[in-house]
Amino acid sequence: MPTTQKIQAVQDLAERLSRSTIAISTGFQGLNVGQMTELRRKLKEQGIELTVVKNTLASIAADQVGKGGFKELLRGPTSIAFGYADQVAIAKALLDYVRSTRLNLTIQGALLENRILTAEQLGELATLPSREVLAASVVGRLVGPLYSLVSVLTANLNALLWVLQRRSEQISQSNAGS
């Protein structure tokens, strides 16, 4: 018979899995409590929740929310990093922190919405520019030709205005000289 704590843990994991945009499964074997606490603190600053899970409870939670493929990422002592915003920024934050601190944290894979990513695919995702940079790039590519078009269209009008102004000055000078 499951205990109320286990039932609550499954409900909590199911809620996090359904709400998250990305869930990264990591193996934390070899990390001490201080390293784990520091990792949690740094990730929390980025809006990422890191939770140590029991694989059987996480497996039940994944089944409850219809993300049964996530079960294949639950191997050995497992912690899950839940992200609720930009997936690229979350993957980048976790991988950058692990690289910079040289933690012995193994990335087992990730659940990106309903797709399972390997550790290699997650690394490729982390190398993509952020959503804001991509949006700025698209806007820049759309606006650039528009500015060029406006410049070409206004060049003839500017030339006409320049000719009319010079002609007006000539007429003014000839009237002033008479």
N, C-alpha and C. Protein backbone atom coordinates (compact mmCIF):
# COMPACT_ATOMS: atom_id res chain seq x y z
N MET A 1 0.85 -1.18 0.00
CA MET A 1 0.00 0.00 0.00
C MET A 1 0.89 1.24 0.00
N PRO A 2 0.68 2.16 -0.95
CA PRO A 2 1.52 3.36 -1.00
C PRO A 2 1.22 4.30 0.18
N THR A 3 2.27 4.93 0.66
CA THR A 3 2.10 5.88 1.75
C THR A 3 1.63 7.21 1.20
N THR A 4 1.12 8.05 2.09
CA THR A 4 0.64 9.36 1.65
C THR A 4 1.81 10.22 1.15
N GLN A 5 3.01 10.02 1.71
CA GLN A 5 4.17 10.77 1.23
C GLN A 5 4.50 10.40 -0.21
N LYS A 6 4.43 9.14 -0.54
CA LYS A 6 4.73 8.70 -1.90
C LYS A 6 3.66 9.18 -2.87
N ILE A 7 2.41 9.14 -2.44
CA ILE A 7 1.32 9.63 -3.28
C ILE A 7 1.50 11.12 -3.55
N GLN A 8 1.85 11.86 -2.50
CA GLN A 8 2.09 13.30 -2.66
C GLN A 8 3.29 13.57 -3.57
N ALA A 9 4.35 12.77 -3.43
CA ALA A 9 5.54 12.94 -4.27
C ALA A 9 5.21 12.68 -5.73
N VAL A 10 4.41 11.67 -6.02
CA VAL A 10 4.00 11.36 -7.40
C VAL A 10 3.16 12.50 -7.96
N GLN A 11 2.22 13.01 -7.16
CA GLN A 11 1.38 14.13 -7.61
C GLN A 11 2.23 15.36 -7.90
N ASP A 12 3.21 15.64 -7.03
CA ASP A 12 4.09 16.79 -7.22
C ASP A 12 4.91 16.64 -8.49
N LEU A 13 5.48 15.45 -8.70
CA LEU A 13 6.28 15.21 -9.90
C LEU A 13 5.41 15.29 -11.16
N ALA A 14 4.20 14.74 -11.10
CA ALA A 14 3.29 14.78 -12.24
C ALA A 14 2.93 16.22 -12.59
N GLU A 15 2.69 17.02 -11.58
CA GLU A 15 2.35 18.43 -11.80
C GLU A 15 3.53 19.16 -12.43
N ARG A 16 4.74 18.92 -11.94
CA ARG A 16 5.93 19.57 -12.49
C ARG A 16 6.19 19.13 -13.93
N LEU A 17 6.04 17.83 -14.19
CA LEU A 17 6.26 17.33 -15.55
C LEU A 17 5.26 17.92 -16.53
N SER A 18 4.02 18.04 -16.13
CA SER A 18 3.01 18.57 -17.04
C SER A 18 3.18 20.07 -17.25
N ARG A 19 3.69 20.79 -16.27
CA ARG A 19 3.86 22.24 -16.34
C ARG A 19 5.15 22.66 -17.03
N SER A 20 6.17 21.81 -16.97
CA SER A 20 7.50 22.19 -17.47
C SER A 20 7.56 22.18 -18.99
N THR A 21 8.42 23.07 -19.53
CA THR A 21 8.69 23.06 -20.96
C THR A 21 9.84 22.14 -21.28
N ILE A 22 10.70 21.89 -20.28
CA ILE A 22 11.81 20.96 -20.43
C ILE A 22 12.10 20.34 -19.07
N ALA A 23 12.39 19.04 -19.09
CA ALA A 23 12.79 18.32 -17.87
C ALA A 23 14.06 17.56 -18.21
N ILE A 24 15.15 17.90 -17.53
CA ILE A 24 16.45 17.31 -17.83
C ILE A 24 16.80 16.31 -16.74
N SER A 25 17.02 15.07 -17.15
CA SER A 25 17.36 14.00 -16.21
C SER A 25 18.88 13.95 -16.05
N THR A 26 19.33 13.97 -14.79
CA THR A 26 20.76 13.96 -14.51
C THR A 26 21.09 12.90 -13.48
N GLY A 27 22.28 12.35 -13.60
CA GLY A 27 22.79 11.42 -12.60
C GLY A 27 23.74 12.19 -11.70
N PHE A 28 23.49 12.16 -10.42
CA PHE A 28 24.28 12.99 -9.50
C PHE A 28 25.23 12.19 -8.64
N GLN A 29 25.44 10.94 -8.99
CA GLN A 29 26.32 10.09 -8.19
C GLN A 29 27.72 10.70 -8.14
N GLY A 30 28.27 10.82 -6.96
CA GLY A 30 29.60 11.40 -6.79
C GLY A 30 29.58 12.83 -6.31
N LEU A 31 28.40 13.45 -6.26
CA LEU A 31 28.31 14.82 -5.75
C LEU A 31 28.07 14.78 -4.25
N ASN A 32 28.71 15.67 -3.52
CA ASN A 32 28.44 15.74 -2.09
C ASN A 32 27.30 16.72 -1.83
N VAL A 33 26.87 16.81 -0.62
CA VAL A 33 25.72 17.64 -0.26
C VAL A 33 25.99 19.12 -0.57
N GLY A 34 27.19 19.58 -0.29
CA GLY A 34 27.54 20.98 -0.56
C GLY A 34 27.47 21.31 -2.03
N GLN A 35 27.99 20.43 -2.87
CA GLN A 35 27.94 20.65 -4.32
C GLN A 35 26.50 20.64 -4.81
N MET A 36 25.70 19.73 -4.30
CA MET A 36 24.30 19.64 -4.71
C MET A 36 23.53 20.88 -4.29
N THR A 37 23.80 21.37 -3.08
CA THR A 37 23.13 22.57 -2.58
C THR A 37 23.51 23.77 -3.43
N GLU A 38 24.79 23.91 -3.76
CA GLU A 38 25.25 25.01 -4.61
C GLU A 38 24.63 24.93 -6.00
N LEU A 39 24.57 23.72 -6.56
CA LEU A 39 23.95 23.53 -7.87
C LEU A 39 22.48 23.94 -7.84
N ARG A 40 21.75 23.52 -6.82
CA ARG A 40 20.34 23.90 -6.70
C ARG A 40 20.18 25.42 -6.61
N ARG A 41 21.04 26.06 -5.82
CA ARG A 41 20.95 27.51 -5.63
C ARG A 41 21.21 28.25 -6.95
N LYS A 42 22.25 27.83 -7.67
CA LYS A 42 22.58 28.49 -8.95
C LYS A 42 21.48 28.28 -9.98
N LEU A 43 20.92 27.08 -10.03
CA LEU A 43 19.86 26.82 -11.00
C LEU A 43 18.58 27.56 -10.63
N LYS A 44 18.30 27.67 -9.35
CA LYS A 44 17.10 28.39 -8.91
C LYS A 44 17.15 29.85 -9.34
N GLU A 45 18.37 30.45 -9.35
CA GLU A 45 18.54 31.83 -9.81
C GLU A 45 18.14 31.96 -11.28
N GLN A 46 18.25 30.87 -12.03
CA GLN A 46 17.89 30.87 -13.46
C GLN A 46 16.44 30.43 -13.68
N GLY A 47 15.70 30.16 -12.60
CA GLY A 47 14.31 29.72 -12.72
C GLY A 47 14.18 28.23 -12.97
N ILE A 48 15.20 27.45 -12.58
CA ILE A 48 15.20 26.01 -12.79
C ILE A 48 15.11 25.32 -11.43
N GLU A 49 14.20 24.36 -11.32
CA GLU A 49 14.06 23.60 -10.08
C GLU A 49 14.76 22.26 -10.24
N LEU A 50 15.68 21.94 -9.35
CA LEU A 50 16.37 20.65 -9.37
C LEU A 50 15.85 19.81 -8.21
N THR A 51 15.35 18.62 -8.53
CA THR A 51 14.75 17.75 -7.54
C THR A 51 15.35 16.35 -7.65
N VAL A 52 15.78 15.81 -6.53
CA VAL A 52 16.20 14.41 -6.48
C VAL A 52 14.94 13.57 -6.42
N VAL A 53 14.88 12.54 -7.27
CA VAL A 53 13.66 11.73 -7.36
C VAL A 53 13.97 10.25 -7.18
N LYS A 54 12.95 9.53 -6.79
CA LYS A 54 13.01 8.07 -6.82
C LYS A 54 12.50 7.68 -8.20
N ASN A 55 13.25 6.84 -8.87
CA ASN A 55 12.92 6.49 -10.25
C ASN A 55 11.54 5.86 -10.40
N THR A 56 11.14 5.03 -9.45
CA THR A 56 9.82 4.40 -9.56
C THR A 56 8.71 5.43 -9.44
N LEU A 57 8.87 6.39 -8.54
CA LEU A 57 7.84 7.43 -8.38
C LEU A 57 7.80 8.35 -9.59
N ALA A 58 8.98 8.70 -10.12
CA ALA A 58 9.04 9.55 -11.31
C ALA A 58 8.44 8.82 -12.51
N SER A 59 8.65 7.52 -12.57
CA SER A 59 8.09 6.71 -13.65
C SER A 59 6.56 6.70 -13.59
N ILE A 60 6.02 6.55 -12.40
CA ILE A 60 4.56 6.57 -12.22
C ILE A 60 4.01 7.95 -12.61
N ALA A 61 4.69 9.00 -12.20
CA ALA A 61 4.25 10.37 -12.52
C ALA A 61 4.28 10.60 -14.03
N ALA A 62 5.33 10.11 -14.71
CA ALA A 62 5.43 10.27 -16.16
C ALA A 62 4.27 9.57 -16.86
N ASP A 63 3.92 8.39 -16.38
CA ASP A 63 2.78 7.67 -16.96
C ASP A 63 1.48 8.44 -16.73
N GLN A 64 1.33 9.03 -15.56
CA GLN A 64 0.09 9.76 -15.24
C GLN A 64 -0.13 10.94 -16.16
N VAL A 65 0.95 11.62 -16.58
CA VAL A 65 0.78 12.81 -17.42
C VAL A 65 0.97 12.49 -18.90
N GLY A 66 1.07 11.20 -19.24
CA GLY A 66 1.16 10.80 -20.64
C GLY A 66 2.53 11.04 -21.26
N LYS A 67 3.58 11.03 -20.44
CA LYS A 67 4.94 11.23 -20.94
C LYS A 67 5.79 10.02 -20.56
N GLY A 68 5.28 8.84 -20.91
CA GLY A 68 5.91 7.59 -20.54
C GLY A 68 7.31 7.41 -21.10
N GLY A 69 7.64 8.09 -22.19
CA GLY A 69 8.98 8.00 -22.76
C GLY A 69 10.06 8.52 -21.83
N PHE A 70 9.67 9.35 -20.88
CA PHE A 70 10.63 9.92 -19.94
C PHE A 70 11.23 8.84 -19.05
N LYS A 71 10.53 7.73 -18.90
CA LYS A 71 11.00 6.65 -18.02
C LYS A 71 12.36 6.10 -18.46
N GLU A 72 12.65 6.14 -19.76
CA GLU A 72 13.93 5.61 -20.23
C GLU A 72 15.13 6.46 -19.79
N LEU A 73 14.87 7.67 -19.29
CA LEU A 73 15.94 8.55 -18.82
C LEU A 73 16.20 8.41 -17.33
N LEU A 74 15.48 7.53 -16.68
CA LEU A 74 15.60 7.36 -15.23
C LEU A 74 16.48 6.15 -14.94
N ARG A 75 17.78 6.42 -14.76
CA ARG A 75 18.75 5.35 -14.51
C ARG A 75 19.62 5.76 -13.32
N GLY A 76 19.74 4.88 -12.36
CA GLY A 76 20.61 5.15 -11.21
C GLY A 76 20.07 6.29 -10.36
N PRO A 77 20.92 6.84 -9.47
CA PRO A 77 20.50 8.00 -8.67
C PRO A 77 20.19 9.17 -9.61
N THR A 78 18.96 9.64 -9.58
CA THR A 78 18.49 10.62 -10.57
C THR A 78 17.99 11.89 -9.91
N SER A 79 18.35 12.99 -10.54
CA SER A 79 17.73 14.27 -10.21
C SER A 79 17.18 14.83 -11.51
N ILE A 80 16.13 15.61 -11.40
CA ILE A 80 15.50 16.19 -12.58
C ILE A 80 15.51 17.70 -12.44
N ALA A 81 15.98 18.37 -13.49
CA ALA A 81 15.96 19.83 -13.55
C ALA A 81 14.72 20.22 -14.36
N PHE A 82 13.78 20.88 -13.71
CA PHE A 82 12.54 21.31 -14.36
C PHE A 82 12.68 22.78 -14.77
N GLY A 83 12.40 23.07 -16.04
CA GLY A 83 12.41 24.44 -16.53
C GLY A 83 11.05 24.81 -17.07
N TYR A 84 10.66 26.04 -16.85
CA TYR A 84 9.30 26.44 -17.22
C TYR A 84 9.27 27.57 -18.24
N ALA A 85 10.42 27.96 -18.76
CA ALA A 85 10.46 29.08 -19.70
C ALA A 85 11.18 28.63 -20.97
N ASP A 86 12.08 29.46 -21.45
CA ASP A 86 12.83 29.21 -22.68
C ASP A 86 13.70 27.97 -22.53
N GLN A 87 13.41 26.95 -23.33
CA GLN A 87 14.12 25.68 -23.22
C GLN A 87 15.61 25.82 -23.49
N VAL A 88 15.97 26.63 -24.49
CA VAL A 88 17.38 26.81 -24.84
C VAL A 88 18.14 27.44 -23.68
N ALA A 89 17.58 28.46 -23.08
CA ALA A 89 18.24 29.14 -21.97
C ALA A 89 18.41 28.20 -20.78
N ILE A 90 17.44 27.35 -20.55
CA ILE A 90 17.50 26.42 -19.43
C ILE A 90 18.60 25.37 -19.67
N ALA A 91 18.62 24.79 -20.86
CA ALA A 91 19.65 23.81 -21.19
C ALA A 91 21.03 24.44 -21.12
N LYS A 92 21.14 25.65 -21.64
CA LYS A 92 22.42 26.36 -21.63
C LYS A 92 22.88 26.65 -20.21
N ALA A 93 21.97 27.09 -19.35
CA ALA A 93 22.32 27.43 -17.97
C ALA A 93 22.84 26.20 -17.23
N LEU A 94 22.16 25.08 -17.37
CA LEU A 94 22.57 23.86 -16.68
C LEU A 94 23.92 23.36 -17.20
N LEU A 95 24.05 23.26 -18.52
CA LEU A 95 25.29 22.73 -19.10
C LEU A 95 26.47 23.66 -18.85
N ASP A 96 26.25 24.97 -18.92
CA ASP A 96 27.34 25.92 -18.65
C ASP A 96 27.81 25.82 -17.21
N TYR A 97 26.87 25.68 -16.29
CA TYR A 97 27.26 25.57 -14.88
C TYR A 97 28.05 24.29 -14.63
N VAL A 98 27.60 23.20 -15.23
CA VAL A 98 28.31 21.93 -15.05
C VAL A 98 29.72 22.01 -15.64
N ARG A 99 29.84 22.63 -16.83
CA ARG A 99 31.17 22.77 -17.45
C ARG A 99 32.07 23.68 -16.64
N SER A 100 31.54 24.81 -16.18
CA SER A 100 32.38 25.80 -15.49
C SER A 100 32.86 25.29 -14.12
N THR A 101 32.04 24.50 -13.45
CA THR A 101 32.43 24.01 -12.13
C THR A 101 33.06 22.62 -12.19
N ARG A 102 33.01 22.00 -13.37
CA ARG A 102 33.56 20.65 -13.57
C ARG A 102 32.93 19.63 -12.60
N LEU A 103 31.62 19.80 -12.38
CA LEU A 103 30.90 18.86 -11.51
C LEU A 103 30.79 17.50 -12.19
N ASN A 104 30.76 16.48 -11.40
CA ASN A 104 30.59 15.12 -11.89
C ASN A 104 29.09 14.83 -12.02
N LEU A 105 28.41 15.62 -12.81
CA LEU A 105 26.97 15.48 -13.02
C LEU A 105 26.76 14.98 -14.45
N THR A 106 26.18 13.81 -14.59
CA THR A 106 25.98 13.26 -15.93
C THR A 106 24.58 13.61 -16.42
N ILE A 107 24.51 14.08 -17.64
CA ILE A 107 23.23 14.38 -18.27
C ILE A 107 22.76 13.11 -18.95
N GLN A 108 21.60 12.61 -18.53
CA GLN A 108 21.08 11.37 -19.10
C GLN A 108 20.19 11.63 -20.30
N GLY A 109 19.62 12.81 -20.38
CA GLY A 109 18.73 13.16 -21.48
C GLY A 109 17.71 14.17 -20.98
N ALA A 110 16.77 14.48 -21.86
CA ALA A 110 15.76 15.48 -21.50
C ALA A 110 14.43 15.17 -22.16
N LEU A 111 13.39 15.69 -21.55
CA LEU A 111 12.06 15.64 -22.12
C LEU A 111 11.72 17.06 -22.54
N LEU A 112 11.70 17.30 -23.84
CA LEU A 112 11.39 18.62 -24.39
C LEU A 112 9.95 18.55 -24.87
N GLU A 113 9.05 19.10 -24.06
CA GLU A 113 7.62 18.98 -24.26
C GLU A 113 7.26 17.50 -24.33
N ASN A 114 7.10 16.90 -25.52
CA ASN A 114 6.79 15.47 -25.58
C ASN A 114 7.86 14.67 -26.31
N ARG A 115 9.01 15.29 -26.57
CA ARG A 115 10.12 14.62 -27.27
C ARG A 115 11.22 14.26 -26.30
N ILE A 116 11.81 13.10 -26.49
CA ILE A 116 12.95 12.68 -25.69
C ILE A 116 14.21 13.09 -26.43
N LEU A 117 15.12 13.78 -25.73
CA LEU A 117 16.40 14.19 -26.30
C LEU A 117 17.52 13.44 -25.59
N THR A 118 18.52 13.04 -26.37
CA THR A 118 19.71 12.44 -25.77
C THR A 118 20.57 13.55 -25.20
N ALA A 119 21.61 13.18 -24.48
CA ALA A 119 22.53 14.18 -23.92
C ALA A 119 23.20 14.98 -25.04
N GLU A 120 23.52 14.32 -26.14
CA GLU A 120 24.15 15.01 -27.28
C GLU A 120 23.18 16.02 -27.90
N GLN A 121 21.93 15.62 -28.08
CA GLN A 121 20.92 16.53 -28.64
C GLN A 121 20.69 17.71 -27.71
N LEU A 122 20.73 17.47 -26.42
CA LEU A 122 20.57 18.55 -25.45
C LEU A 122 21.74 19.52 -25.56
N GLY A 123 22.95 19.00 -25.76
CA GLY A 123 24.12 19.86 -25.96
C GLY A 123 23.97 20.71 -27.21
N GLU A 124 23.43 20.14 -28.28
CA GLU A 124 23.19 20.91 -29.50
C GLU A 124 22.13 21.99 -29.26
N LEU A 125 21.10 21.65 -28.51
CA LEU A 125 20.06 22.63 -28.18
C LEU A 125 20.65 23.80 -27.41
N ALA A 126 21.58 23.50 -26.51
CA ALA A 126 22.19 24.55 -25.69
C ALA A 126 23.06 25.50 -26.51
N THR A 127 23.51 25.07 -27.69
CA THR A 127 24.34 25.94 -28.51
C THR A 127 23.52 26.89 -29.38
N LEU A 128 22.23 26.67 -29.45
CA LEU A 128 21.38 27.58 -30.22
C LEU A 128 21.30 28.95 -29.54
N PRO A 129 21.11 30.00 -30.34
CA PRO A 129 20.90 31.31 -29.71
C PRO A 129 19.57 31.33 -28.96
N SER A 130 19.46 32.25 -28.01
CA SER A 130 18.22 32.33 -27.24
C SER A 130 17.07 32.82 -28.11
N ARG A 131 15.87 32.68 -27.59
CA ARG A 131 14.67 33.09 -28.32
C ARG A 131 14.71 34.57 -28.67
N GLU A 132 15.20 35.40 -27.75
CA GLU A 132 15.27 36.84 -27.98
C GLU A 132 16.23 37.17 -29.12
N VAL A 133 17.38 36.49 -29.15
CA VAL A 133 18.36 36.73 -30.21
C VAL A 133 17.80 36.30 -31.56
N LEU A 134 17.13 35.15 -31.60
CA LEU A 134 16.52 34.70 -32.85
C LEU A 134 15.43 35.66 -33.33
N ALA A 135 14.61 36.15 -32.40
CA ALA A 135 13.56 37.09 -32.77
C ALA A 135 14.17 38.39 -33.30
N ALA A 136 15.22 38.88 -32.66
CA ALA A 136 15.88 40.10 -33.12
C ALA A 136 16.49 39.89 -34.50
N SER A 137 17.03 38.72 -34.75
CA SER A 137 17.61 38.42 -36.05
C SER A 137 16.54 38.42 -37.14
N VAL A 138 15.41 37.81 -36.85
CA VAL A 138 14.31 37.79 -37.83
C VAL A 138 13.81 39.19 -38.11
N VAL A 139 13.62 39.97 -37.05
CA VAL A 139 13.15 41.35 -37.23
C VAL A 139 14.16 42.15 -38.03
N GLY A 140 15.44 41.98 -37.73
CA GLY A 140 16.47 42.69 -38.47
C GLY A 140 16.48 42.34 -39.94
N ARG A 141 16.27 41.06 -40.24
CA ARG A 141 16.24 40.63 -41.63
C ARG A 141 14.99 41.13 -42.36
N LEU A 142 13.92 41.33 -41.64
CA LEU A 142 12.71 41.87 -42.25
C LEU A 142 12.79 43.38 -42.43
N VAL A 143 13.35 44.06 -41.46
CA VAL A 143 13.39 45.51 -41.47
C VAL A 143 14.46 46.05 -42.42
N GLY A 144 15.58 45.35 -42.55
CA GLY A 144 16.68 45.82 -43.40
C GLY A 144 16.25 46.14 -44.82
N PRO A 145 15.61 45.21 -45.52
CA PRO A 145 15.15 45.52 -46.88
C PRO A 145 14.11 46.64 -46.93
N LEU A 146 13.30 46.77 -45.90
CA LEU A 146 12.31 47.85 -45.87
C LEU A 146 13.00 49.21 -45.80
N TYR A 147 14.05 49.32 -44.97
CA TYR A 147 14.80 50.56 -44.90
C TYR A 147 15.45 50.88 -46.24
N SER A 148 15.96 49.86 -46.92
CA SER A 148 16.57 50.07 -48.23
C SER A 148 15.53 50.56 -49.23
N LEU A 149 14.36 49.96 -49.19
CA LEU A 149 13.28 50.38 -50.10
C LEU A 149 12.87 51.82 -49.83
N VAL A 150 12.73 52.17 -48.59
CA VAL A 150 12.38 53.55 -48.23
C VAL A 150 13.46 54.51 -48.70
N SER A 151 14.71 54.14 -48.55
CA SER A 151 15.82 55.01 -48.99
C SER A 151 15.78 55.21 -50.50
N VAL A 152 15.54 54.15 -51.25
CA VAL A 152 15.47 54.26 -52.72
C VAL A 152 14.29 55.13 -53.13
N LEU A 153 13.15 54.92 -52.50
CA LEU A 153 11.96 55.70 -52.88
C LEU A 153 12.08 57.17 -52.50
N THR A 154 12.72 57.45 -51.39
CA THR A 154 12.85 58.85 -50.97
C THR A 154 14.01 59.57 -51.66
N ALA A 155 14.93 58.83 -52.26
CA ALA A 155 16.08 59.46 -52.93
C ALA A 155 15.61 60.35 -54.06
N ASN A 156 14.67 59.89 -54.89
CA ASN A 156 14.16 60.70 -56.00
C ASN A 156 13.42 61.94 -55.49
N LEU A 157 12.66 61.77 -54.43
CA LEU A 157 11.96 62.92 -53.86
C LEU A 157 12.94 63.94 -53.30
N ASN A 158 13.99 63.45 -52.62
CA ASN A 158 15.01 64.34 -52.09
C ASN A 158 15.73 65.08 -53.21
N ALA A 159 16.04 64.40 -54.30
CA ALA A 159 16.69 65.04 -55.44
C ALA A 159 15.78 66.11 -56.04
N LEU A 160 14.49 65.80 -56.18
CA LEU A 160 13.54 66.78 -56.71
C LEU A 160 13.43 67.99 -55.80
N LEU A 161 13.38 67.76 -54.50
CA LEU A 161 13.33 68.88 -53.55
C LEU A 161 14.60 69.73 -53.63
N TRP A 162 15.76 69.09 -53.80
CA TRP A 162 17.02 69.81 -53.90
C TRP A 162 17.03 70.69 -55.14
N VAL A 163 16.57 70.15 -56.29
CA VAL A 163 16.51 70.92 -57.55
C VAL A 163 15.55 72.09 -57.40
N LEU A 164 14.38 71.86 -56.81
CA LEU A 164 13.40 72.94 -56.63
C LEU A 164 13.93 74.03 -55.69
N GLN A 165 14.65 73.62 -54.65
CA GLN A 165 15.21 74.61 -53.72
C GLN A 165 16.28 75.44 -54.41
N ARG A 166 17.15 74.82 -55.20
CA ARG A 166 18.17 75.57 -55.94
C ARG A 166 17.54 76.52 -56.95
N ARG A 167 16.50 76.05 -57.62
CA ARG A 167 15.81 76.90 -58.60
C ARG A 167 15.16 78.08 -57.90
N SER A 168 14.59 77.81 -56.71
CA SER A 168 13.98 78.89 -55.93
C SER A 168 15.03 79.90 -55.51
N GLU A 169 16.23 79.45 -55.15
CA GLU A 169 17.32 80.35 -54.78
C GLU A 169 17.77 81.18 -55.98
N GLN A 170 17.83 80.55 -57.18
CA GLN A 170 18.22 81.28 -58.39
C GLN A 170 17.22 82.39 -58.71
N ILE A 171 15.96 82.05 -58.58
CA ILE A 171 14.91 83.05 -58.86
C ILE A 171 15.00 84.19 -57.85
N SER A 172 15.23 83.84 -56.58
CA SER A 172 15.35 84.84 -55.53
C SER A 172 16.55 85.76 -55.81
N GLN A 173 17.66 85.18 -56.26
CA GLN A 173 18.84 85.98 -56.54
C GLN A 173 18.65 86.87 -57.75
N SER A 174 17.96 86.36 -58.77
CA SER A 174 17.75 87.17 -59.97
C SER A 174 16.77 88.31 -59.69
N ASN A 175 15.80 88.07 -58.81
CA ASN A 175 14.86 89.13 -58.42
C ASN A 175 15.53 90.15 -57.53
N ALA A 176 16.46 89.70 -56.70
CA ALA A 176 17.17 90.62 -55.81
C ALA A 176 18.16 91.46 -56.62
N GLY A 177 18.72 90.89 -57.71
CA GLY A 177 19.69 91.60 -58.53
C GLY A 177 19.02 92.59 -59.46
N SER A 178 17.74 92.51 -59.74
CA SER A 178 17.08 93.40 -60.70
C SER A 178 16.62 94.66 -60.10
